[in-house]
Amino acid sequence: MRIFYAFLIVMVSAILFMLPLTEAVYDYRTDLKTDTFTTTTAVGVTTGNATLGTDLYDCDMSSIDIDSDDSTDNPVPSSINCTNRFLDISGLTANTTRILSITYAYDALQGSTAINNLLDRVPWIWLLVIIAFAPAAIFAIFTGRT
């Protein structure tokens, strides 16, 4: 029976390890914002720019999604200056005026330093608890301290 309990504890630890805690912390810390801009490109120019209304979360360009009302556009963010929130966009059609909708993640917990510090450490604390849980439980089972 002790081997079954040990196996059960290892399985529970593995399941807990697979929980998407890091993504949950990210989702809790961020919200999505959409800014809309009218952008005109000149003849031979396929890039544009925009100034985001709020700071981009952790200056992470992977959270930026750009949609255009012009079906010939394929807008992608090419660079960002996080100090002044200036976003460069490439993949636009030349000599066209379009409306760009830029959706991006921003910090929903602005000004909450204590909560941000705790949330920075939650994934590491979770990992340490899971790693320590299995050996401690197996030790308790095999030494008869259950």
C-alpha atoms as a PDB file:
ATOM      1  CA  MET A   1       0.000   0.000   0.000  1.00  0.00           C
ATOM      2  CA  ARG A   2       2.922   2.355   0.668  1.00  0.00           C
ATOM      3  CA  ILE A   3       4.085   2.043  -2.927  1.00  0.00           C
ATOM      4  CA  PHE A   4       0.621   3.003  -4.128  1.00  0.00           C
ATOM      5  CA  TYR A   5       0.654   6.100  -1.886  1.00  0.00           C
ATOM      6  CA  ALA A   6       4.112   7.039  -3.135  1.00  0.00           C
ATOM      7  CA  PHE A   7       2.978   6.622  -6.742  1.00  0.00           C
ATOM      8  CA  LEU A   8      -0.138   8.680  -6.032  1.00  0.00           C
ATOM      9  CA  ILE A   9       1.923  11.494  -4.519  1.00  0.00           C
ATOM     10  CA  VAL A  10       4.310  11.561  -7.468  1.00  0.00           C
ATOM     11  CA  MET A  11       1.342  11.709  -9.867  1.00  0.00           C
ATOM     12  CA  VAL A  12      -0.301  14.548  -7.930  1.00  0.00           C
ATOM     13  CA  SER A  13       3.021  16.433  -7.961  1.00  0.00           C
ATOM     14  CA  ALA A  14       3.296  15.951 -11.720  1.00  0.00           C
ATOM     15  CA  ILE A  15      -0.248  17.235 -12.248  1.00  0.00           C
ATOM     16  CA  LEU A  16       0.387  20.274 -10.035  1.00  0.00           C
ATOM     17  CA  PHE A  17       3.605  20.938 -11.965  1.00  0.00           C
ATOM     18  CA  MET A  18       1.662  21.072 -15.236  1.00  0.00           C
ATOM     19  CA  LEU A  19      -0.733  23.789 -14.048  1.00  0.00           C
ATOM     20  CA  PRO A  20      -0.259  26.965 -16.089  1.00  0.00           C
ATOM     21  CA  LEU A  21       0.650  29.147 -13.107  1.00  0.00           C
ATOM     22  CA  THR A  22       2.985  31.442 -15.039  1.00  0.00           C
ATOM     23  CA  GLU A  23       0.266  32.199 -17.591  1.00  0.00           C
ATOM     24  CA  ALA A  24      -2.241  32.783 -14.787  1.00  0.00           C
ATOM     25  CA  VAL A  25       0.074  35.333 -13.150  1.00  0.00           C
ATOM     26  CA  TYR A  26       0.595  37.052 -16.528  1.00  0.00           C
ATOM     27  CA  ASP A  27      -3.165  37.193 -17.143  1.00  0.00           C
ATOM     28  CA  TYR A  28      -3.740  38.613 -13.654  1.00  0.00           C
ATOM     29  CA  ARG A  29      -1.061  41.274 -14.065  1.00  0.00           C
ATOM     30  CA  THR A  30      -2.082  42.491 -17.522  1.00  0.00           C
ATOM     31  CA  ASP A  31      -5.104  43.809 -19.351  1.00  0.00           C
ATOM     32  CA  LEU A  32      -5.586  44.375 -23.060  1.00  0.00           C
ATOM     33  CA  LYS A  33      -5.975  47.832 -24.530  1.00  0.00           C
ATOM     34  CA  THR A  34      -6.889  48.734 -28.098  1.00  0.00           C
ATOM     35  CA  ASP A  35      -5.789  51.986 -29.701  1.00  0.00           C
ATOM     36  CA  THR A  36      -7.066  53.068 -33.119  1.00  0.00           C
ATOM     37  CA  PHE A  37      -5.001  55.177 -35.515  1.00  0.00           C
ATOM     38  CA  THR A  38      -5.509  56.502 -39.024  1.00  0.00           C
ATOM     39  CA  THR A  39      -2.274  56.004 -40.950  1.00  0.00           C
ATOM     40  CA  THR A  40      -1.385  57.141 -44.448  1.00  0.00           C
ATOM     41  CA  THR A  41       1.572  55.806 -46.379  1.00  0.00           C
ATOM     42  CA  ALA A  42       3.205  57.687 -49.231  1.00  0.00           C
ATOM     43  CA  VAL A  43       4.191  56.292 -52.625  1.00  0.00           C
ATOM     44  CA  GLY A  44       6.844  53.591 -52.153  1.00  0.00           C
ATOM     45  CA  VAL A  45       6.545  53.629 -48.324  1.00  0.00           C
ATOM     46  CA  THR A  46       5.372  50.436 -46.607  1.00  0.00           C
ATOM     47  CA  THR A  47       5.979  51.403 -42.977  1.00  0.00           C
ATOM     48  CA  GLY A  48       4.097  53.534 -40.512  1.00  0.00           C
ATOM     49  CA  ASN A  49       4.206  54.460 -36.876  1.00  0.00           C
ATOM     50  CA  ALA A  50       1.959  55.093 -33.916  1.00  0.00           C
ATOM     51  CA  THR A  51       2.289  56.217 -30.330  1.00  0.00           C
ATOM     52  CA  LEU A  52       0.632  53.829 -27.895  1.00  0.00           C
ATOM     53  CA  GLY A  53      -1.651  55.353 -25.286  1.00  0.00           C
ATOM     54  CA  THR A  54      -0.274  53.278 -22.388  1.00  0.00           C
ATOM     55  CA  ASP A  55       3.066  51.640 -21.603  1.00  0.00           C
ATOM     56  CA  LEU A  56       3.497  48.195 -23.142  1.00  0.00           C
ATOM     57  CA  TYR A  57       3.798  45.508 -20.433  1.00  0.00           C
ATOM     58  CA  ASP A  58       7.471  44.590 -19.954  1.00  0.00           C
ATOM     59  CA  CYS A  59       8.177  46.098 -23.390  1.00  0.00           C
ATOM     60  CA  ASP A  60       7.047  42.727 -24.814  1.00  0.00           C
ATOM     61  CA  MET A  61       6.302  43.122 -28.518  1.00  0.00           C
ATOM     62  CA  SER A  62       4.857  39.599 -28.727  1.00  0.00           C
ATOM     63  CA  SER A  63       1.680  40.883 -27.046  1.00  0.00           C
ATOM     64  CA  ILE A  64       1.009  43.393 -29.848  1.00  0.00           C
ATOM     65  CA  ASP A  65      -1.685  42.515 -32.393  1.00  0.00           C
ATOM     66  CA  ILE A  66      -2.325  44.891 -35.291  1.00  0.00           C
ATOM     67  CA  ASP A  67      -5.400  44.814 -37.527  1.00  0.00           C
ATOM     68  CA  SER A  68      -5.981  46.982 -40.576  1.00  0.00           C
ATOM     69  CA  ASP A  69      -9.191  47.825 -42.403  1.00  0.00           C
ATOM     70  CA  ASP A  70      -7.221  47.560 -45.673  1.00  0.00           C
ATOM     71  CA  SER A  71      -7.261  43.914 -46.794  1.00  0.00           C
ATOM     72  CA  THR A  72      -3.988  44.309 -48.720  1.00  0.00           C
ATOM     73  CA  ASP A  73      -2.074  45.216 -45.551  1.00  0.00           C
ATOM     74  CA  ASN A  74      -0.147  42.688 -43.490  1.00  0.00           C
ATOM     75  CA  PRO A  75       0.801  44.885 -40.517  1.00  0.00           C
ATOM     76  CA  VAL A  76       3.410  43.652 -38.038  1.00  0.00           C
ATOM     77  CA  PRO A  77       5.234  45.541 -35.301  1.00  0.00           C
ATOM     78  CA  SER A  78       8.862  46.040 -36.300  1.00  0.00           C
ATOM     79  CA  SER A  79      10.254  47.962 -33.327  1.00  0.00           C
ATOM     80  CA  ILE A  80       9.181  49.924 -30.291  1.00  0.00           C
ATOM     81  CA  ASN A  81      10.744  52.637 -28.175  1.00  0.00           C
ATOM     82  CA  CYS A  82       9.349  51.827 -24.735  1.00  0.00           C
ATOM     83  CA  THR A  83      10.404  55.175 -23.260  1.00  0.00           C
ATOM     84  CA  ASN A  84       8.043  57.213 -25.432  1.00  0.00           C
ATOM     85  CA  ARG A  85       5.755  54.292 -26.559  1.00  0.00           C
ATOM     86  CA  PHE A  86       6.626  54.926 -30.233  1.00  0.00           C
ATOM     87  CA  LEU A  87       5.747  51.837 -32.342  1.00  0.00           C
ATOM     88  CA  ASP A  88       7.068  51.245 -35.863  1.00  0.00           C
ATOM     89  CA  ILE A  89       4.825  49.132 -38.101  1.00  0.00           C
ATOM     90  CA  SER A  90       5.855  47.372 -41.303  1.00  0.00           C
ATOM     91  CA  GLY A  91       3.918  45.392 -43.895  1.00  0.00           C
ATOM     92  CA  LEU A  92       1.624  48.192 -44.980  1.00  0.00           C
ATOM     93  CA  THR A  93       0.538  48.826 -48.548  1.00  0.00           C
ATOM     94  CA  ALA A  94       2.099  51.886 -50.166  1.00  0.00           C
ATOM     95  CA  ASN A  95       0.086  54.974 -51.059  1.00  0.00           C
ATOM     96  CA  THR A  96      -2.962  54.086 -48.930  1.00  0.00           C
ATOM     97  CA  THR A  97      -4.883  55.459 -45.969  1.00  0.00           C
ATOM     98  CA  ARG A  98      -6.107  52.900 -43.472  1.00  0.00           C
ATOM     99  CA  ILE A  99      -7.350  52.549 -39.909  1.00  0.00           C
ATOM    100  CA  LEU A 100      -5.090  50.445 -37.697  1.00  0.00           C
ATOM    101  CA  SER A 101      -6.378  48.835 -34.506  1.00  0.00           C
ATOM    102  CA  ILE A 102      -3.473  47.999 -32.202  1.00  0.00           C
ATOM    103  CA  THR A 103      -4.219  45.688 -29.277  1.00  0.00           C
ATOM    104  CA  TYR A 104      -1.519  45.218 -26.650  1.00  0.00           C
ATOM    105  CA  ALA A 105      -1.017  44.172 -23.040  1.00  0.00           C
ATOM    106  CA  TYR A 106      -0.430  46.794 -20.380  1.00  0.00           C
ATOM    107  CA  ASP A 107       0.270  46.589 -16.648  1.00  0.00           C
ATOM    108  CA  ALA A 108      -3.060  46.350 -14.812  1.00  0.00           C
ATOM    109  CA  LEU A 109      -1.375  46.687 -11.394  1.00  0.00           C
ATOM    110  CA  GLN A 110       0.365  50.013 -11.887  1.00  0.00           C
ATOM    111  CA  GLY A 111       1.578  51.449  -8.616  1.00  0.00           C
ATOM    112  CA  SER A 112       1.259  48.181  -6.651  1.00  0.00           C
ATOM    113  CA  THR A 113       4.920  47.487  -5.940  1.00  0.00           C
ATOM    114  CA  ALA A 114       4.311  44.954  -3.165  1.00  0.00           C
ATOM    115  CA  ILE A 115       1.872  42.900  -5.225  1.00  0.00           C
ATOM    116  CA  ASN A 116       4.161  43.032  -8.261  1.00  0.00           C
ATOM    117  CA  ASN A 117       7.114  41.801  -6.179  1.00  0.00           C
ATOM    118  CA  LEU A 118       5.037  38.921  -4.808  1.00  0.00           C
ATOM    119  CA  LEU A 119       3.724  37.969  -8.243  1.00  0.00           C
ATOM    120  CA  ASP A 120       7.275  37.989  -9.623  1.00  0.00           C
ATOM    121  CA  ARG A 121       8.159  35.290  -7.126  1.00  0.00           C
ATOM    122  CA  VAL A 122       4.985  33.140  -7.198  1.00  0.00           C
ATOM    123  CA  PRO A 123       6.151  30.804 -10.020  1.00  0.00           C
ATOM    124  CA  TRP A 124       9.440  30.135  -8.198  1.00  0.00           C
ATOM    125  CA  ILE A 125       7.682  29.525  -4.889  1.00  0.00           C
ATOM    126  CA  TRP A 126       5.250  27.169  -6.637  1.00  0.00           C
ATOM    127  CA  LEU A 127       8.094  25.262  -8.261  1.00  0.00           C
ATOM    128  CA  LEU A 128       9.946  24.884  -4.957  1.00  0.00           C
ATOM    129  CA  VAL A 129       6.799  23.641  -3.198  1.00  0.00           C
ATOM    130  CA  ILE A 130       6.146  21.035  -5.878  1.00  0.00           C
ATOM    131  CA  ILE A 131       9.759  19.865  -5.948  1.00  0.00           C
ATOM    132  CA  ALA A 132       9.858  19.587  -2.147  1.00  0.00           C
ATOM    133  CA  PHE A 133       6.403  17.989  -1.846  1.00  0.00           C
ATOM    134  CA  ALA A 134       7.134  14.669  -3.523  1.00  0.00           C
ATOM    135  CA  PRO A 135      10.378  13.738  -1.691  1.00  0.00           C
ATOM    136  CA  ALA A 136       8.963  14.829   1.678  1.00  0.00           C
ATOM    137  CA  ALA A 137       5.773  12.827   1.180  1.00  0.00           C
ATOM    138  CA  ILE A 138       7.609   9.732  -0.044  1.00  0.00           C
ATOM    139  CA  PHE A 139      10.001   9.964   2.906  1.00  0.00           C
ATOM    140  CA  ALA A 140       7.037  10.215   5.290  1.00  0.00           C
ATOM    141  CA  ILE A 141       5.352   7.187   3.717  1.00  0.00           C
ATOM    142  CA  PHE A 142       8.416   4.958   3.833  1.00  0.00           C
ATOM    143  CA  THR A 143       9.361   5.947   7.371  1.00  0.00           C
ATOM    144  CA  GLY A 144       5.791   5.296   8.620  1.00  0.00           C
ATOM    145  CA  ARG A 145       4.948   8.893   9.536  1.00  0.00           C
ATOM    146  CA  THR A 146       1.682   9.084   7.649  1.00  0.00           C
END
